């Protein structure tokens, strides 16, 4: 075992990712997904303003 082999070895460099060509279908799909996410976020905000839907759950007594 020589002194040069000891220690951590450096990881190999990863090749750079090539830029993908984005076609019209992919752009339309991304736009649709953004709109759905925005609609979902708006629905969450409206639901949180109305208050909790369920008022049940575990009831705790005042006794200890």
N, C-alpha and C. Protein backbone atom coordinates (compact mmCIF):
# COMPACT_ATOMS: atom_id res chain seq x y z
N UNK A 1 0.84 -1.19 0.00
CA UNK A 1 0.00 0.00 0.00
C UNK A 1 0.88 1.25 0.00
N UNK A 2 0.80 2.01 -1.06
CA UNK A 2 1.62 3.21 -1.14
C UNK A 2 0.87 4.39 -0.51
N UNK A 3 1.57 5.45 -0.25
CA UNK A 3 1.00 6.62 0.41
C UNK A 3 -0.01 7.37 -0.46
N UNK A 4 0.06 7.21 -1.76
CA UNK A 4 -0.83 7.96 -2.63
C UNK A 4 -2.25 7.39 -2.62
N UNK A 5 -2.41 6.13 -2.30
CA UNK A 5 -3.73 5.51 -2.37
C UNK A 5 -4.56 5.73 -1.12
N UNK A 6 -3.97 6.18 -0.04
CA UNK A 6 -4.70 6.35 1.20
C UNK A 6 -5.65 7.52 1.17
N UNK A 7 -6.63 7.50 2.06
CA UNK A 7 -7.57 8.60 2.17
C UNK A 7 -8.76 8.47 1.22
N UNK A 8 -9.58 9.51 1.22
CA UNK A 8 -10.77 9.49 0.36
C UNK A 8 -10.38 9.74 -1.08
N UNK A 9 -11.09 9.06 -1.96
CA UNK A 9 -10.89 9.32 -3.38
C UNK A 9 -11.90 10.34 -3.84
N UNK A 10 -11.49 11.21 -4.75
CA UNK A 10 -12.39 12.24 -5.25
C UNK A 10 -13.43 11.60 -6.16
N UNK A 11 -14.69 12.05 -6.06
CA UNK A 11 -15.70 11.50 -6.96
C UNK A 11 -15.46 12.01 -8.39
N UNK A 12 -15.89 11.21 -9.34
CA UNK A 12 -15.76 11.62 -10.73
C UNK A 12 -16.69 12.77 -11.02
N UNK A 13 -16.28 13.67 -11.88
CA UNK A 13 -17.13 14.80 -12.23
C UNK A 13 -18.27 14.32 -13.10
N UNK A 14 -19.46 14.80 -12.80
CA UNK A 14 -20.64 14.44 -13.58
C UNK A 14 -20.67 15.31 -14.83
N UNK A 15 -21.07 14.74 -15.96
CA UNK A 15 -21.19 15.57 -17.16
C UNK A 15 -22.34 16.55 -17.02
N UNK A 16 -22.20 17.72 -17.65
CA UNK A 16 -23.25 18.72 -17.57
C UNK A 16 -24.48 18.22 -18.30
N UNK A 17 -25.65 18.56 -17.76
CA UNK A 17 -26.90 18.14 -18.38
C UNK A 17 -27.17 19.01 -19.61
N UNK A 18 -27.56 18.35 -20.67
CA UNK A 18 -27.87 19.09 -21.89
C UNK A 18 -29.24 19.73 -21.74
N UNK A 19 -29.41 20.91 -22.29
CA UNK A 19 -30.69 21.61 -22.21
C UNK A 19 -31.70 20.88 -23.09
N UNK A 20 -32.88 20.61 -22.52
CA UNK A 20 -33.92 19.92 -23.28
C UNK A 20 -34.71 20.94 -24.10
N UNK A 21 -35.13 20.49 -25.25
CA UNK A 21 -36.02 21.30 -26.06
C UNK A 21 -37.43 21.12 -25.50
N UNK A 22 -38.13 22.22 -25.25
CA UNK A 22 -39.46 22.16 -24.68
C UNK A 22 -40.47 22.40 -25.81
N UNK A 23 -41.35 21.41 -26.03
CA UNK A 23 -42.31 21.56 -27.11
C UNK A 23 -43.61 22.17 -26.57
N UNK A 24 -44.54 22.43 -27.47
CA UNK A 24 -45.80 23.11 -27.12
C UNK A 24 -46.63 22.29 -26.13
N UNK A 25 -46.66 20.96 -26.30
CA UNK A 25 -47.44 20.10 -25.40
C UNK A 25 -46.92 20.22 -23.97
N UNK A 26 -45.61 20.20 -23.85
CA UNK A 26 -45.00 20.27 -22.52
C UNK A 26 -45.27 21.63 -21.86
N UNK A 27 -45.20 22.69 -22.65
CA UNK A 27 -45.49 24.03 -22.14
C UNK A 27 -46.94 24.12 -21.67
N UNK A 28 -47.87 23.56 -22.46
CA UNK A 28 -49.29 23.59 -22.11
C UNK A 28 -49.52 22.78 -20.83
N UNK A 29 -48.84 21.65 -20.70
CA UNK A 29 -49.00 20.82 -19.51
C UNK A 29 -48.49 21.55 -18.27
N UNK A 30 -47.33 22.21 -18.38
CA UNK A 30 -46.79 22.96 -17.24
C UNK A 30 -47.72 24.10 -16.84
N UNK A 31 -48.29 24.79 -17.84
CA UNK A 31 -49.21 25.88 -17.57
C UNK A 31 -50.45 25.37 -16.84
N UNK A 32 -50.96 24.22 -17.29
CA UNK A 32 -52.15 23.62 -16.67
C UNK A 32 -51.86 23.23 -15.22
N UNK A 33 -50.68 22.67 -14.98
CA UNK A 33 -50.30 22.27 -13.62
C UNK A 33 -50.19 23.50 -12.71
N UNK A 34 -49.64 24.61 -13.24
CA UNK A 34 -49.54 25.84 -12.45
C UNK A 34 -50.92 26.36 -12.07
N UNK A 35 -51.85 26.32 -13.03
CA UNK A 35 -53.21 26.80 -12.78
C UNK A 35 -53.89 25.93 -11.73
N UNK A 36 -53.70 24.61 -11.81
CA UNK A 36 -54.31 23.71 -10.82
C UNK A 36 -53.73 23.97 -9.44
N UNK A 37 -52.44 24.20 -9.35
CA UNK A 37 -51.80 24.47 -8.06
C UNK A 37 -52.33 25.77 -7.47
N UNK A 38 -52.51 26.77 -8.32
CA UNK A 38 -53.02 28.06 -7.85
C UNK A 38 -54.46 27.91 -7.35
N UNK A 39 -55.29 27.14 -8.10
CA UNK A 39 -56.67 26.92 -7.69
C UNK A 39 -56.73 26.17 -6.37
N UNK A 40 -55.85 25.20 -6.19
CA UNK A 40 -55.81 24.44 -4.94
C UNK A 40 -55.40 25.34 -3.77
N UNK A 41 -54.43 26.22 -4.00
CA UNK A 41 -54.00 27.13 -2.94
C UNK A 41 -55.14 28.08 -2.57
N UNK A 42 -55.88 28.59 -3.57
CA UNK A 42 -57.01 29.47 -3.30
C UNK A 42 -58.09 28.74 -2.50
N UNK A 43 -58.35 27.48 -2.86
CA UNK A 43 -59.35 26.69 -2.14
C UNK A 43 -58.94 26.47 -0.69
N UNK A 44 -57.65 26.26 -0.46
CA UNK A 44 -57.15 26.07 0.91
C UNK A 44 -57.36 27.34 1.73
N UNK A 45 -57.10 28.49 1.13
CA UNK A 45 -57.27 29.75 1.84
C UNK A 45 -58.74 29.96 2.19
N UNK A 46 -59.63 29.70 1.25
CA UNK A 46 -61.07 29.87 1.51
C UNK A 46 -61.54 28.91 2.59
N UNK A 47 -61.05 27.67 2.57
CA UNK A 47 -61.47 26.68 3.56
C UNK A 47 -60.97 27.07 4.95
N UNK A 48 -59.77 27.64 5.03
CA UNK A 48 -59.23 27.99 6.34
C UNK A 48 -59.95 29.20 6.93
N UNK A 49 -60.55 30.04 6.09
CA UNK A 49 -61.27 31.20 6.58
C UNK A 49 -62.61 30.82 7.21
N UNK A 50 -63.20 29.73 6.75
CA UNK A 50 -64.50 29.31 7.26
C UNK A 50 -64.38 28.65 8.64
N UNK A 51 -63.24 28.16 8.99
CA UNK A 51 -63.06 27.51 10.27
C UNK A 51 -62.96 26.01 10.11
N UNK A 52 -62.82 25.30 11.19
CA UNK A 52 -62.65 23.85 11.10
C UNK A 52 -63.94 23.17 10.66
N UNK A 53 -63.79 22.13 9.84
CA UNK A 53 -64.95 21.40 9.36
C UNK A 53 -65.47 20.43 10.43
N UNK A 54 -64.57 19.87 11.21
CA UNK A 54 -64.95 18.89 12.22
C UNK A 54 -64.65 19.47 13.59
N UNK A 55 -65.65 19.44 14.46
CA UNK A 55 -65.42 19.95 15.81
C UNK A 55 -65.35 18.81 16.81
N UNK A 56 -65.27 17.58 16.33
CA UNK A 56 -65.21 16.40 17.21
C UNK A 56 -63.78 16.16 17.66
N UNK A 57 -63.48 14.91 17.95
CA UNK A 57 -62.15 14.56 18.38
C UNK A 57 -62.18 14.04 19.80
N UNK A 58 -61.03 13.98 20.42
CA UNK A 58 -60.93 13.46 21.78
C UNK A 58 -61.35 14.55 22.77
N UNK A 59 -62.28 14.21 23.60
CA UNK A 59 -62.75 15.15 24.61
C UNK A 59 -61.97 14.91 25.90
N UNK A 60 -61.47 15.96 26.48
CA UNK A 60 -60.72 15.83 27.72
C UNK A 60 -61.60 16.33 28.86
N UNK A 61 -61.59 15.59 29.95
CA UNK A 61 -62.36 16.04 31.10
C UNK A 61 -61.52 17.01 31.92
N UNK A 62 -62.17 17.77 32.76
CA UNK A 62 -61.47 18.73 33.59
C UNK A 62 -60.78 18.11 34.77
N UNK A 63 -61.11 16.83 35.07
CA UNK A 63 -60.53 16.16 36.24
C UNK A 63 -59.14 15.65 35.92
N UNK A 64 -58.31 15.59 36.99
CA UNK A 64 -56.98 15.02 36.84
C UNK A 64 -56.79 13.88 37.81
